[in-house]
Amino acid sequence: MVLLWVFSFYYLPAYFSQKRFLSCFFSAYLFFVVVVSCLGLYAYSCYAVLGKSHGVLIPYILPINKSLRVSGIYGQPNLFALVLLTGVLLFVYSYVHNKQFVNCRFSILTYLPLLTVAVTFFLTGSRSGLLAFLASFFILIWLVFRKRYLENDVQKKKIFIRVLSVLIVAFIVAVVLNYWIAASGVRALAEPGNSLDARLVFWLSAILIFLDHPWFGVGLGNYKYFLSQYINQAYDLLGFVQYESMGYTKWAHNELLQLLCECGIFVFLMFVGVLIVYSYQVWQFGRGKCNWEPLKLFSYLFMVPFIVQSMFSWPLRHPALLILFFTFLGLLLSQFKFEVKVFSFWGDYLRRILALAGLVFILFLGYQEFQLRLFADRLRDGNVKTTLSEFERLVHNPYMKFPLLLNMTPRYVQVAMRDQDNDFARKILPYTQELATLQGAHWQWFNLSVLYHVLGDNSGAESAVERAINLWPVEKKYWSFQHYLNMLEASRATGRPLEEFFPIPPGGAVEDLEGLFDFDDRIKVNI
């Protein structure tokens, strides 16, 4: 699909004029946004009437519905809000500057598509989306007041005011719906809750990672592997964050900070420079230092939602939204004049060598990913135990080592605990120890504690569960397991039966005591 999309953007314009091609693209995108908005309203209605769904709402289209917030086709409100906001901005451009798109009479049917999309957008309850919305329309309104946009066209100003009125009505409708159904209002205006505290922890953790690796960072995509080593230090430095906010995540929820800790200071300064140039150009246009066509202005505005929301979420880490970002970026770049430069013989030769080297490198990485995919397919089709030999072969590959340790050792621990298989537990013990030492997340120390318990190493189990408690003292199951280990040790030391330390369930036996802890459900499986 990605290759087809890129191919169409390079191939189709050769047969259509730019204006016609953009018109077709805008119409198709607006149709797509209206359709997904209707799907979002359907999900909202399902939750309002039936509550949380027990499975996907529509296979391959709408994922499970977990809350009243509209999460749409991406299953995540912030990501869905970004798509809807770009649609709202494109509707504004189409209403104001496309005479065939709307007549000038105020008809509710004329603006119904915009109303549908805007209501769905506000029902996502995305605070980062709301900030992006306010930033986008602040720029537009500021340019109108400075007479840099719609300065000599009264009719277009009237349409613009009508569009703003529709957006205000959409906001009111969303507030009324939420108060009527859940008495909550628009979540974007509610208390920030724990998510803001969690973001502060993630941001400060990214800064701490950068301070230890300032020049070249820890490598793209490696923030999630280093987070657990710094999250407690970030919590201690902040001092006011609730412990329950200290979750684990793959992303820093701030693209600049993620690039800072993963790529180092040089890449960070390069991207900051791009943002400064972008902001300066908008400022220069607002001051009248340059003149833009409306399409160029809105091409700049389409970047605002991505920039703002990437400071609070991770839209540029989602493949579909990344493609959308480069699509609108290409629209912006197409508004500038291009210069054609011809490579010299040696320059063209070097370019081909670099392209070939890049292709070989991509094929190498693709082969590694293909091996991981084959391993995952075998894992789904067969017994988990039967994959251990292949796991031991692949785990020595540096590219695959950490993903395999991270995803497979919890599964193997779960199987060893379920089957009480000492031989299997002894084989996976070195990998579980390596993972706990390498990343050191609290659930990894707990998994190691469970594995020691299976092998009969009570002292190792107590030491590992104590590390888990020190990292995450709010988890009751860690305390319960430590208490169980202490009572087990007391039983061995005194010679008294274990049932004297624990109550036996009615009609149960001593063997049922270990089942009280429900280890299978308590072991963290990170998949």
Protein backbone atom coordinates (compact mmCIF):
# COMPACT_ATOMS: atom_id res chain seq x y z
CA MET A 1 0.00 0.00 0.00
CA VAL A 2 2.84 2.39 0.81
CA LEU A 3 4.60 1.68 -2.49
CA LEU A 4 1.32 2.14 -4.36
CA TRP A 5 0.73 5.45 -2.60
CA VAL A 6 4.24 6.74 -3.42
CA PHE A 7 3.95 5.48 -6.99
CA SER A 8 0.65 7.29 -7.51
CA PHE A 9 2.09 10.58 -6.27
CA TYR A 10 4.95 10.39 -8.76
CA TYR A 11 3.14 8.78 -11.68
CA LEU A 12 -0.34 10.26 -11.77
CA PRO A 13 0.66 13.96 -11.93
CA ALA A 14 2.24 13.23 -15.30
CA TYR A 15 -1.26 12.68 -16.70
CA PHE A 16 -3.09 15.39 -14.80
CA SER A 17 -2.44 19.03 -14.17
CA GLN A 18 -1.31 19.89 -10.65
CA LYS A 19 -4.57 21.70 -9.94
CA ARG A 20 -6.70 18.76 -11.07
CA PHE A 21 -4.53 16.26 -9.24
CA LEU A 22 -4.75 18.22 -5.98
CA SER A 23 -8.50 18.58 -6.41
CA CYS A 24 -8.86 14.80 -6.76
CA PHE A 25 -6.60 14.20 -3.76
CA PHE A 26 -8.44 16.73 -1.56
CA SER A 27 -11.83 15.29 -2.49
CA ALA A 28 -10.69 11.71 -1.80
CA TYR A 29 -9.15 12.69 1.54
CA LEU A 30 -12.24 14.61 2.66
CA PHE A 31 -14.41 11.64 1.75
CA PHE A 32 -12.11 9.38 3.77
CA VAL A 33 -12.24 11.72 6.79
CA VAL A 34 -16.06 11.88 6.70
CA VAL A 35 -16.31 8.08 6.52
CA VAL A 36 -13.94 7.49 9.45
CA SER A 37 -15.78 10.21 11.41
CA CYS A 38 -19.03 8.33 10.94
CA LEU A 39 -17.28 5.17 12.12
CA GLY A 40 -16.06 7.08 15.16
CA LEU A 41 -19.60 8.23 15.96
CA TYR A 42 -20.77 4.65 15.58
CA ALA A 43 -18.17 3.52 18.14
CA TYR A 44 -19.24 6.35 20.45
CA SER A 45 -22.89 5.30 20.16
CA CYS A 46 -22.01 1.64 20.83
CA TYR A 47 -20.19 2.56 24.02
CA ALA A 48 -23.00 4.89 25.14
CA VAL A 49 -25.64 2.18 24.65
CA LEU A 50 -23.79 -1.10 25.27
CA GLY A 51 -20.72 -0.07 27.26
CA LYS A 52 -17.22 -1.44 26.72
CA SER A 53 -17.01 -3.92 23.86
CA HIS A 54 -15.60 -7.42 24.39
CA GLY A 55 -14.01 -7.56 20.95
CA VAL A 56 -13.45 -5.55 17.80
CA LEU A 57 -16.47 -3.54 16.68
CA ILE A 58 -15.82 -4.07 12.96
CA PRO A 59 -13.11 -6.58 11.97
CA TYR A 60 -10.04 -4.94 10.42
CA ILE A 61 -11.66 -1.48 10.68
CA LEU A 62 -12.75 -0.56 14.22
CA PRO A 63 -10.80 -2.03 17.16
CA ILE A 64 -12.12 -2.73 20.64
CA ASN A 65 -13.96 0.17 22.27
CA LYS A 66 -12.47 0.76 25.74
CA SER A 67 -13.95 4.10 26.77
CA LEU A 68 -16.34 6.87 25.79
CA ARG A 69 -13.49 8.71 24.10
CA VAL A 70 -13.61 8.12 20.34
CA SER A 71 -10.46 6.26 19.35
CA GLY A 72 -11.53 5.55 15.78
CA ILE A 73 -9.75 3.37 13.27
CA TYR A 74 -6.40 3.67 15.08
CA GLY A 75 -7.71 2.62 18.49
CA GLN A 76 -5.99 5.67 20.01
CA PRO A 77 -7.79 9.03 20.50
CA ASN A 78 -4.73 11.27 20.01
CA LEU A 79 -3.81 9.65 16.70
CA PHE A 80 -7.38 9.69 15.46
CA ALA A 81 -7.74 13.36 16.46
CA LEU A 82 -4.78 14.25 14.24
CA VAL A 83 -6.42 12.78 11.15
CA LEU A 84 -9.69 14.54 11.93
CA LEU A 85 -7.97 17.89 12.51
CA THR A 86 -6.20 17.76 9.15
CA GLY A 87 -9.61 17.04 7.66
CA VAL A 88 -11.12 20.06 9.45
CA LEU A 89 -8.38 22.33 8.07
CA LEU A 90 -8.87 20.93 4.58
CA PHE A 91 -12.62 21.55 4.89
CA VAL A 92 -11.91 25.17 5.83
CA TYR A 93 -9.71 25.60 2.77
CA SER A 94 -12.28 23.94 0.50
CA TYR A 95 -15.24 25.92 1.80
CA VAL A 96 -13.47 29.27 1.55
CA HIS A 97 -11.48 28.87 -1.66
CA ASN A 98 -13.39 26.35 -3.78
CA LYS A 99 -16.43 28.00 -5.33
CA GLN A 100 -17.81 24.68 -6.52
CA PHE A 101 -17.52 23.15 -3.07
CA VAL A 102 -20.13 25.29 -1.35
CA ASN A 103 -22.75 27.84 -2.19
CA CYS A 104 -22.79 31.05 -0.20
CA ARG A 105 -26.16 30.49 1.45
CA PHE A 106 -26.00 29.16 4.98
CA SER A 107 -27.41 25.67 4.65
CA ILE A 108 -26.96 23.08 7.40
CA LEU A 109 -26.65 20.38 4.75
CA THR A 110 -23.80 22.28 3.13
CA TYR A 111 -21.79 22.30 6.34
CA LEU A 112 -22.99 18.96 7.67
CA PRO A 113 -19.79 17.08 6.67
CA LEU A 114 -17.66 19.61 8.55
CA LEU A 115 -20.00 19.43 11.54
CA THR A 116 -19.74 15.63 11.59
CA VAL A 117 -15.95 15.64 11.47
CA ALA A 118 -15.62 18.43 14.05
CA VAL A 119 -18.01 16.78 16.54
CA THR A 120 -16.08 13.51 16.23
CA PHE A 121 -12.83 15.41 16.73
CA PHE A 122 -14.00 16.98 19.99
CA LEU A 123 -15.39 13.64 21.18
CA THR A 124 -11.89 12.14 20.99
CA GLY A 125 -11.12 14.15 24.14
CA SER A 126 -7.55 14.61 22.91
CA ARG A 127 -5.89 17.45 24.81
CA SER A 128 -2.95 17.52 22.41
CA GLY A 129 -5.46 17.59 19.55
CA LEU A 130 -7.26 20.52 21.17
CA LEU A 131 -3.96 22.39 21.54
CA ALA A 132 -3.18 21.74 17.87
CA PHE A 133 -6.69 22.95 16.94
CA LEU A 134 -6.26 26.17 18.92
CA ALA A 135 -2.78 26.77 17.48
CA SER A 136 -3.98 26.27 13.89
CA PHE A 137 -6.96 28.56 14.16
CA PHE A 138 -5.06 31.12 16.22
CA ILE A 139 -2.68 31.50 13.27
CA LEU A 140 -5.57 31.80 10.82
CA ILE A 141 -7.48 34.35 12.90
CA TRP A 142 -4.28 36.29 13.60
CA LEU A 143 -3.62 36.52 9.85
CA VAL A 144 -7.20 37.67 9.23
CA PHE A 145 -6.88 40.45 11.82
CA ARG A 146 -3.53 41.51 10.37
CA LYS A 147 -5.21 41.63 6.94
CA ARG A 148 -2.82 39.06 5.53
CA TYR A 149 -5.57 36.55 4.78
CA LEU A 150 -8.95 37.29 3.14
CA GLU A 151 -8.13 40.99 3.33
CA ASN A 152 -10.02 42.10 0.21
CA ASP A 153 -12.74 39.50 -0.14
CA VAL A 154 -15.82 40.14 1.98
CA GLN A 155 -17.67 37.12 0.64
CA LYS A 156 -14.89 34.73 1.66
CA LYS A 157 -14.73 36.36 5.07
CA LYS A 158 -18.42 35.59 5.55
CA ILE A 159 -17.85 31.97 4.63
CA PHE A 160 -14.90 31.84 7.03
CA ILE A 161 -17.07 33.20 9.84
CA ARG A 162 -19.73 30.60 9.04
CA VAL A 163 -17.11 27.84 9.22
CA LEU A 164 -15.97 29.13 12.61
CA SER A 165 -19.61 29.14 13.73
CA VAL A 166 -20.00 25.51 12.66
CA LEU A 167 -16.91 24.59 14.69
CA ILE A 168 -18.30 26.36 17.76
CA VAL A 169 -21.60 24.50 17.34
CA ALA A 170 -19.66 21.21 17.02
CA PHE A 171 -17.86 21.94 20.28
CA ILE A 172 -21.15 22.65 22.05
CA VAL A 173 -22.71 19.47 20.66
CA ALA A 174 -19.75 17.40 21.91
CA VAL A 175 -19.99 18.95 25.38
CA VAL A 176 -23.73 18.34 25.56
CA LEU A 177 -23.38 14.74 24.39
CA ASN A 178 -20.74 13.95 26.98
CA TYR A 179 -22.67 15.61 29.80
CA TRP A 180 -25.86 13.88 28.74
CA ILE A 181 -24.29 10.42 28.45
CA ALA A 182 -21.53 10.44 31.05
CA ALA A 183 -21.74 13.80 32.85
CA SER A 184 -18.11 14.37 31.92
CA GLY A 185 -18.05 17.12 29.33
CA VAL A 186 -15.22 17.28 26.84
CA ARG A 187 -12.29 15.49 28.44
CA ALA A 188 -9.87 17.99 26.95
CA LEU A 189 -11.22 20.57 29.39
CA ALA A 190 -11.23 18.22 32.38
CA GLU A 191 -8.55 17.68 35.00
CA PRO A 192 -5.28 16.43 33.46
CA GLY A 193 -5.23 13.34 35.71
CA ASN A 194 -2.23 11.03 35.73
CA SER A 195 -1.40 11.30 32.02
CA LEU A 196 0.27 14.70 32.44
CA ASP A 197 2.32 13.39 35.37
CA ALA A 198 3.33 10.38 33.30
CA ARG A 199 4.44 12.61 30.43
CA LEU A 200 6.58 14.67 32.80
CA VAL A 201 8.28 11.48 33.96
CA PHE A 202 8.81 10.31 30.37
CA TRP A 203 10.20 13.70 29.31
CA LEU A 204 12.61 13.97 32.21
CA SER A 205 13.71 10.36 31.64
CA ALA A 206 14.55 11.27 28.03
CA ILE A 207 16.63 14.23 29.25
CA LEU A 208 18.48 12.01 31.73
CA ILE A 209 19.21 9.47 28.98
CA PHE A 210 20.55 12.29 26.82
CA LEU A 211 22.83 13.57 29.60
CA ASP A 212 24.46 10.14 29.77
CA HIS A 213 24.66 9.79 25.94
CA PRO A 214 24.87 13.39 24.68
CA TRP A 215 26.63 13.10 21.32
CA PHE A 216 25.03 10.26 19.37
CA GLY A 217 22.26 9.09 21.72
CA VAL A 218 21.25 5.51 22.38
CA GLY A 219 20.04 4.72 18.85
CA LEU A 220 16.71 5.05 17.10
CA GLY A 221 13.92 3.11 18.81
CA ASN A 222 15.97 2.39 21.94
CA TYR A 223 14.24 4.81 24.31
CA LYS A 224 11.88 2.03 25.42
CA TYR A 225 14.85 -0.14 26.38
CA PHE A 226 16.54 2.52 28.51
CA LEU A 227 13.43 4.00 30.16
CA SER A 228 13.30 1.59 33.09
CA GLN A 229 16.86 2.50 34.08
CA TYR A 230 16.00 6.18 34.47
CA ILE A 231 12.33 6.34 35.38
CA ASN A 232 12.87 6.09 39.13
CA GLN A 233 15.51 8.81 39.05
CA ALA A 234 13.12 11.03 37.09
CA TYR A 235 10.39 10.37 39.64
CA ASP A 236 12.70 11.30 42.52
CA LEU A 237 13.82 14.51 40.80
CA LEU A 238 10.27 15.64 40.09
CA GLY A 239 9.11 14.94 43.62
CA PHE A 240 5.40 15.68 43.10
CA VAL A 241 4.38 12.94 40.64
CA GLN A 242 2.11 10.16 41.86
CA TYR A 243 3.71 6.74 41.84
CA GLU A 244 0.79 5.34 39.84
CA SER A 245 1.79 7.65 36.96
CA MET A 246 5.12 5.89 36.47
CA GLY A 247 4.10 3.62 33.63
CA TYR A 248 6.31 2.19 30.92
CA THR A 249 6.03 3.21 27.30
CA LYS A 250 7.77 2.84 23.95
CA TRP A 251 7.79 6.57 23.23
CA ALA A 252 8.81 9.70 25.12
CA HIS A 253 5.56 11.43 24.05
CA ASN A 254 7.68 14.29 22.75
CA GLU A 255 9.36 13.87 19.39
CA LEU A 256 12.11 16.40 20.03
CA LEU A 257 13.09 14.84 23.36
CA GLN A 258 12.93 11.38 21.83
CA LEU A 259 15.28 12.45 19.04
CA LEU A 260 17.49 14.15 21.62
CA CYS A 261 18.03 10.99 23.66
CA GLU A 262 18.06 8.54 20.71
CA CYS A 263 20.10 10.50 18.15
CA GLY A 264 22.09 12.99 20.21
CA ILE A 265 22.61 16.72 20.18
CA PHE A 266 23.47 17.15 16.48
CA VAL A 267 20.25 15.64 15.13
CA PHE A 268 18.28 17.49 17.80
CA LEU A 269 19.74 20.87 16.78
CA MET A 270 19.05 20.11 13.13
CA PHE A 271 15.36 19.51 13.79
CA VAL A 272 15.13 22.54 16.08
CA GLY A 273 16.63 24.58 13.26
CA VAL A 274 13.95 23.33 10.85
CA LEU A 275 11.21 24.33 13.32
CA ILE A 276 12.76 27.78 13.74
CA VAL A 277 12.88 28.32 9.96
CA TYR A 278 9.26 27.15 9.67
CA SER A 279 8.07 29.51 12.41
CA TYR A 280 10.12 32.41 11.01
CA GLN A 281 8.57 32.03 7.56
CA VAL A 282 5.03 32.10 8.99
CA TRP A 283 6.00 35.15 11.06
CA GLN A 284 7.43 36.90 8.00
CA PHE A 285 4.24 36.26 6.06
CA GLY A 286 2.17 37.65 8.93
CA ARG A 287 4.27 40.80 8.94
CA GLY A 288 3.80 41.27 5.21
CA LYS A 289 7.40 40.50 4.20
CA CYS A 290 6.26 37.96 1.60
CA ASN A 291 3.09 36.99 -0.24
CA TRP A 292 1.59 33.52 -0.35
CA GLU A 293 -1.25 31.96 -2.22
CA PRO A 294 -3.97 30.41 0.01
CA LEU A 295 -2.80 26.90 -0.90
CA LYS A 296 0.73 27.68 0.32
CA LEU A 297 -0.63 29.13 3.57
CA PHE A 298 -2.73 26.05 4.26
CA SER A 299 0.20 23.82 3.30
CA TYR A 300 2.02 25.41 6.22
CA LEU A 301 -1.04 25.03 8.45
CA PHE A 302 -1.31 21.30 7.69
CA MET A 303 2.06 20.91 9.46
CA VAL A 304 0.81 22.53 12.69
CA PRO A 305 -1.21 19.52 14.00
CA PHE A 306 1.75 17.20 13.43
CA ILE A 307 4.20 19.56 15.14
CA VAL A 308 1.99 20.30 18.15
CA GLN A 309 0.74 16.78 18.75
CA SER A 310 4.21 15.28 18.33
CA MET A 311 5.23 17.33 21.38
CA PHE A 312 2.70 15.43 23.52
CA SER A 313 2.16 12.12 21.75
CA TRP A 314 3.79 9.89 19.11
CA PRO A 315 2.00 10.43 15.76
CA LEU A 316 5.24 10.39 13.77
CA ARG A 317 5.98 6.89 15.11
CA HIS A 318 2.79 5.50 13.56
CA PRO A 319 3.40 4.28 9.97
CA ALA A 320 0.05 5.46 8.57
CA LEU A 321 0.35 8.93 10.12
CA LEU A 322 3.99 9.18 9.05
CA ILE A 323 2.89 8.61 5.45
CA LEU A 324 0.22 11.27 5.91
CA PHE A 325 2.83 13.65 7.33
CA PHE A 326 5.13 13.23 4.33
CA THR A 327 2.16 13.64 2.00
CA PHE A 328 1.35 17.08 3.44
CA LEU A 329 5.06 17.90 3.63
CA GLY A 330 5.32 17.11 -0.08
CA LEU A 331 2.34 19.41 -0.68
CA LEU A 332 4.21 22.19 1.14
CA LEU A 333 7.47 21.62 -0.73
CA SER A 334 5.66 21.64 -4.07
CA GLN A 335 4.73 25.30 -3.46
CA PHE A 336 8.37 26.35 -3.82
CA LYS A 337 10.38 26.78 -6.99
CA PHE A 338 12.78 23.93 -7.64
CA GLU A 339 16.20 24.09 -9.20
CA VAL A 340 17.49 21.21 -11.30
CA LYS A 341 21.13 20.37 -10.69
CA VAL A 342 23.03 17.88 -12.80
CA PHE A 343 25.58 15.61 -11.13
CA SER A 344 29.05 15.35 -12.56
CA PHE A 345 30.27 11.94 -13.76
CA TRP A 346 31.97 11.13 -10.45
CA GLY A 347 29.13 12.65 -8.45
CA ASP A 348 26.61 10.47 -10.28
CA TYR A 349 28.88 7.44 -9.79
CA LEU A 350 29.12 8.13 -6.04
CA ARG A 351 25.35 8.59 -5.82
CA ARG A 352 24.80 5.18 -7.39
CA ILE A 353 27.26 3.53 -5.03
CA LEU A 354 25.57 5.10 -2.00
CA ALA A 355 22.14 4.06 -3.30
CA LEU A 356 23.34 0.50 -3.82
CA ALA A 357 24.90 0.41 -0.33
CA GLY A 358 21.66 1.70 1.15
CA LEU A 359 19.68 -0.94 -0.72
CA VAL A 360 21.97 -3.72 0.53
CA PHE A 361 21.67 -2.43 4.09
CA ILE A 362 17.88 -2.28 3.84
CA LEU A 363 17.77 -5.83 2.44
CA PHE A 364 19.97 -6.99 5.33
CA LEU A 365 17.64 -5.45 7.90
CA GLY A 366 14.66 -6.83 6.01
CA TYR A 367 16.13 -10.32 6.22
CA GLN A 368 16.51 -9.96 10.00
CA GLU A 369 12.89 -8.84 10.30
CA PHE A 370 11.83 -11.73 8.07
CA GLN A 371 13.53 -14.19 10.42
CA LEU A 372 11.74 -12.62 13.38
CA ARG A 373 8.43 -12.89 11.53
CA LEU A 374 9.00 -16.58 10.76
CA PHE A 375 9.81 -17.16 14.42
CA ALA A 376 6.63 -15.36 15.48
CA ASP A 377 4.57 -17.47 13.05
CA ARG A 378 5.99 -20.69 14.48
CA LEU A 379 5.25 -19.40 17.95
CA ARG A 380 1.59 -18.94 17.11
CA ASP A 381 1.27 -22.28 15.36
CA GLY A 382 3.03 -24.56 17.86
CA ASN A 383 3.96 -25.21 21.46
CA VAL A 384 5.97 -22.45 23.12
CA LYS A 385 8.51 -24.95 24.46
CA THR A 386 9.36 -26.19 20.97
CA THR A 387 10.62 -22.71 19.97
CA LEU A 388 13.37 -22.60 22.61
CA SER A 389 16.06 -24.15 20.40
CA GLU A 390 15.44 -21.63 17.61
CA PHE A 391 15.26 -18.84 20.19
CA GLU A 392 18.72 -19.84 21.46
CA ARG A 393 20.04 -19.71 17.90
CA LEU A 394 18.54 -16.31 17.04
CA VAL A 395 19.20 -14.59 20.36
CA HIS A 396 22.95 -14.45 19.63
CA ASN A 397 22.26 -12.15 16.66
CA PRO A 398 22.86 -8.58 17.98
CA TYR A 399 19.97 -7.19 15.90
CA MET A 400 17.48 -9.68 17.33
CA LYS A 401 18.83 -10.14 20.84
CA PHE A 402 16.94 -7.54 22.80
CA PRO A 403 13.54 -7.88 21.07
CA LEU A 404 13.66 -11.64 21.62
CA LEU A 405 14.71 -11.32 25.26
CA LEU A 406 12.05 -8.72 25.87
CA ASN A 407 9.19 -10.61 24.26
CA MET A 408 10.03 -14.27 24.78
CA THR A 409 11.48 -14.67 28.28
CA PRO A 410 8.16 -13.70 29.98
CA ARG A 411 6.40 -16.37 27.92
CA TYR A 412 8.98 -18.98 28.81
CA VAL A 413 8.74 -18.06 32.50
CA GLN A 414 4.98 -18.42 32.32
CA VAL A 415 5.27 -21.89 30.75
CA ALA A 416 7.90 -22.99 33.29
CA MET A 417 5.68 -21.86 36.17
CA ARG A 418 2.57 -23.47 34.73
CA ASP A 419 4.22 -26.84 34.06
CA GLN A 420 6.62 -26.73 37.03
CA ASP A 421 9.30 -27.85 34.55
CA ASN A 422 12.67 -27.51 36.27
CA ASP A 423 14.71 -28.50 33.19
CA PHE A 424 12.99 -25.92 31.03
CA ALA A 425 13.31 -23.28 33.78
CA ARG A 426 17.04 -23.99 34.10
CA LYS A 427 17.53 -23.48 30.33
CA ILE A 428 15.83 -20.07 30.29
CA LEU A 429 17.34 -18.82 33.56
CA PRO A 430 20.45 -17.21 31.95
CA TYR A 431 18.28 -15.26 29.50
CA THR A 432 15.92 -14.07 32.23
CA GLN A 433 18.90 -12.97 34.32
CA GLU A 434 20.42 -11.15 31.35
CA LEU A 435 17.19 -9.29 30.61
CA ALA A 436 16.69 -8.22 34.23
CA THR A 437 20.29 -6.99 34.36
CA LEU A 438 20.15 -5.33 30.94
CA GLN A 439 16.89 -3.37 31.24
CA GLY A 440 15.93 -3.91 34.86
CA ALA A 441 12.17 -3.27 34.74
CA HIS A 442 10.25 -4.24 37.85
CA TRP A 443 8.23 -6.97 36.12
CA GLN A 444 11.44 -8.51 34.79
CA TRP A 445 12.81 -8.86 38.33
CA PHE A 446 9.50 -10.39 39.36
CA ASN A 447 9.68 -12.88 36.48
CA LEU A 448 13.20 -13.79 37.60
CA SER A 449 11.94 -14.24 41.16
CA VAL A 450 9.24 -16.64 39.96
CA LEU A 451 11.81 -18.59 37.96
CA TYR A 452 14.10 -18.92 40.98
CA HIS A 453 11.11 -20.19 42.95
CA VAL A 454 10.42 -22.87 40.34
CA LEU A 455 14.06 -23.99 40.62
CA GLY A 456 13.86 -24.09 44.42
CA ASP A 457 16.28 -21.18 44.95
CA ASN A 458 14.39 -19.36 47.70
CA SER A 459 17.17 -16.88 48.46
CA GLY A 460 17.45 -15.89 44.79
CA ALA A 461 13.68 -15.51 44.58
CA GLU A 462 13.60 -13.28 47.68
CA SER A 463 16.43 -11.10 46.36
CA ALA A 464 14.79 -10.67 42.94
CA VAL A 465 11.30 -9.90 44.29
CA GLU A 466 12.85 -7.35 46.66
CA ARG A 467 14.38 -5.60 43.64
CA ALA A 468 10.95 -5.57 42.00
CA ILE A 469 9.37 -4.06 45.12
CA ASN A 470 12.06 -1.37 45.34
CA LEU A 471 11.34 -0.37 41.76
CA TRP A 472 7.54 -0.57 42.03
CA PRO A 473 6.33 -0.60 45.65
CA VAL A 474 2.67 0.02 44.73
CA GLU A 475 2.24 -3.46 43.19
CA LYS A 476 0.39 -5.69 45.66
CA LYS A 477 1.26 -8.95 43.92
CA TYR A 478 4.97 -8.38 44.59
CA TRP A 479 4.31 -7.96 48.31
CA SER A 480 2.04 -11.01 48.29
CA PHE A 481 4.66 -13.14 46.61
CA GLN A 482 7.35 -11.93 49.02
CA HIS A 483 5.05 -12.81 51.92
CA TYR A 484 4.51 -16.27 50.45
CA LEU A 485 8.28 -16.79 50.14
CA ASN A 486 8.80 -15.64 53.73
CA MET A 487 6.15 -18.04 55.02
CA LEU A 488 7.64 -20.84 52.94
CA GLU A 489 11.04 -20.17 54.48
CA ALA A 490 9.48 -20.02 57.95
CA SER A 491 7.82 -23.38 57.32
CA ARG A 492 11.13 -24.93 56.34
CA ALA A 493 13.02 -23.37 59.26
CA THR A 494 10.49 -24.39 61.94
CA GLY A 495 9.35 -27.68 60.47
CA ARG A 496 5.75 -26.59 60.83
CA PRO A 497 3.38 -27.24 57.91
CA LEU A 498 2.71 -24.37 55.53
CA GLU A 499 -1.04 -24.47 56.22
CA GLU A 500 -0.36 -23.10 59.70
CA PHE A 501 0.85 -19.89 58.09
CA PHE A 502 -1.91 -19.63 55.47
CA PRO A 503 -5.62 -20.40 55.70
CA ILE A 504 -6.68 -23.38 53.60
CA PRO A 505 -9.55 -22.60 51.20
CA PRO A 506 -12.80 -24.44 52.04
CA GLY A 507 -12.62 -27.94 50.65
CA GLY A 508 -9.04 -27.33 49.48
CA ALA A 509 -5.64 -28.83 50.18
CA VAL A 510 -2.15 -27.58 50.90
CA GLU A 511 -1.33 -27.77 47.19
CA ASP A 512 -3.97 -25.10 46.56
CA LEU A 513 -2.04 -22.47 48.51
CA GLU A 514 0.31 -21.67 45.66
CA GLY A 515 -2.68 -21.34 43.35
CA LEU A 516 -3.96 -18.46 45.48
CA PHE A 517 -1.36 -16.26 43.80
CA ASP A 518 -2.56 -17.00 40.26
CA PHE A 519 0.96 -16.80 38.86
CA ASP A 520 -0.07 -17.20 35.24
CA ASP A 521 -2.03 -13.95 35.34
CA ARG A 522 0.54 -12.15 37.45
CA ILE A 523 3.53 -12.73 35.22
CA LYS A 524 4.04 -9.75 32.95
CA VAL A 525 4.05 -10.80 29.31
CA ASN A 526 5.35 -7.95 27.17
CA ILE A 527 4.13 -8.68 23.64
